[in-house]
Amino acid sequence: MKLNNNNIFLLPVLLAGLSLQWLTNYPGYVLQTATTLANGGDWQDSTAIPTQTNGQNVVTMLTSGSAGFFRLCGP
């Protein structure tokens, strides 16, 4: 992970899909997605609802073949 201006940028783990995980003890963080990083990105809040497993928030998505970027945006 890389911290930058209260945002945590995630390095995804590619399995059969994409699994993004972050600790549950950091409340107030929102998963955001973008299709490009040009001009600062087109970041929007993700509609995916995380589940909680072993003290982690987990969002799993099927890979679509198109580029996508993810970050956690926090308080």
Protein backbone atom coordinates (compact mmCIF):
# COMPACT_ATOMS: atom_id res chain seq x y z
CA MET A 1 0.00 0.00 0.00
CA LYS A 2 1.05 3.57 -0.62
CA LEU A 3 -0.24 6.44 1.54
CA ASN A 4 -0.78 9.75 -0.18
CA ASN A 5 -2.86 12.70 1.15
CA ASN A 6 -5.14 10.49 3.30
CA ASN A 7 -5.77 8.14 0.39
CA ILE A 8 -4.56 4.56 0.42
CA PHE A 9 -3.73 3.21 -3.01
CA LEU A 10 -4.12 -0.56 -3.23
CA LEU A 11 -2.16 -3.10 -5.17
CA PRO A 12 -4.79 -5.69 -6.14
CA VAL A 13 -4.32 -9.42 -5.89
CA LEU A 14 -5.56 -11.12 -9.06
CA LEU A 15 -7.11 -14.53 -8.50
CA ALA A 16 -10.19 -15.70 -10.43
CA GLY A 17 -11.31 -12.12 -9.95
CA LEU A 18 -10.10 -9.04 -8.19
CA SER A 19 -10.05 -9.06 -4.38
CA LEU A 20 -9.51 -5.76 -2.55
CA GLN A 21 -9.06 -5.90 1.22
CA TRP A 22 -8.48 -3.33 3.95
CA LEU A 23 -8.64 -3.39 7.74
CA THR A 24 -11.99 -2.78 9.42
CA ASN A 25 -10.42 -0.73 12.22
CA TYR A 26 -10.08 2.33 9.93
CA PRO A 27 -13.68 3.60 9.73
CA GLY A 28 -14.78 6.22 7.24
CA TYR A 29 -12.82 4.96 4.24
CA VAL A 30 -14.68 4.63 0.93
CA LEU A 31 -13.60 2.45 -2.00
CA GLN A 32 -13.39 4.46 -5.21
CA THR A 33 -12.92 3.37 -8.82
CA ALA A 34 -11.65 5.08 -11.96
CA THR A 35 -11.28 4.08 -15.59
CA THR A 36 -8.36 6.45 -16.20
CA LEU A 37 -5.65 8.19 -14.21
CA ALA A 38 -5.27 10.98 -16.78
CA ASN A 39 -5.81 14.49 -15.38
CA GLY A 40 -6.15 13.15 -11.83
CA GLY A 41 -8.56 10.34 -12.71
CA ASP A 42 -12.33 10.11 -12.96
CA TRP A 43 -12.79 8.80 -9.40
CA GLN A 44 -16.26 7.78 -8.22
CA ASP A 45 -17.46 5.92 -5.13
CA SER A 46 -17.79 2.22 -5.84
CA THR A 47 -21.24 0.63 -5.68
CA ALA A 48 -19.71 -2.62 -4.38
CA ILE A 49 -20.58 -3.31 -0.74
CA PRO A 50 -17.71 -4.85 1.24
CA THR A 51 -18.18 -7.91 3.40
CA GLN A 52 -16.23 -8.33 6.63
CA THR A 53 -13.96 -11.35 7.03
CA ASN A 54 -11.28 -11.84 9.71
CA GLY A 55 -11.08 -8.12 10.56
CA GLN A 56 -10.90 -7.08 6.91
CA ASN A 57 -13.33 -5.39 4.56
CA VAL A 58 -13.38 -7.43 1.36
CA VAL A 59 -14.67 -6.54 -2.10
CA THR A 60 -14.37 -9.18 -4.83
CA MET A 61 -15.07 -8.44 -8.49
CA LEU A 62 -14.86 -10.50 -11.63
CA THR A 63 -12.25 -9.30 -14.08
CA SER A 64 -13.75 -7.62 -17.14
CA GLY A 65 -10.68 -7.29 -19.36
CA SER A 66 -10.85 -3.49 -19.27
CA ALA A 67 -8.55 -1.25 -17.24
CA GLY A 68 -9.66 -0.16 -13.82
CA PHE A 69 -8.07 1.63 -10.89
CA PHE A 70 -9.02 1.49 -7.22
CA ARG A 71 -8.25 3.50 -4.10
CA LEU A 72 -9.51 4.03 -0.59
CA CYS A 73 -10.41 7.61 0.17
CA GLY A 74 -10.54 8.49 3.83
CA PRO A 75 -11.41 11.15 6.29
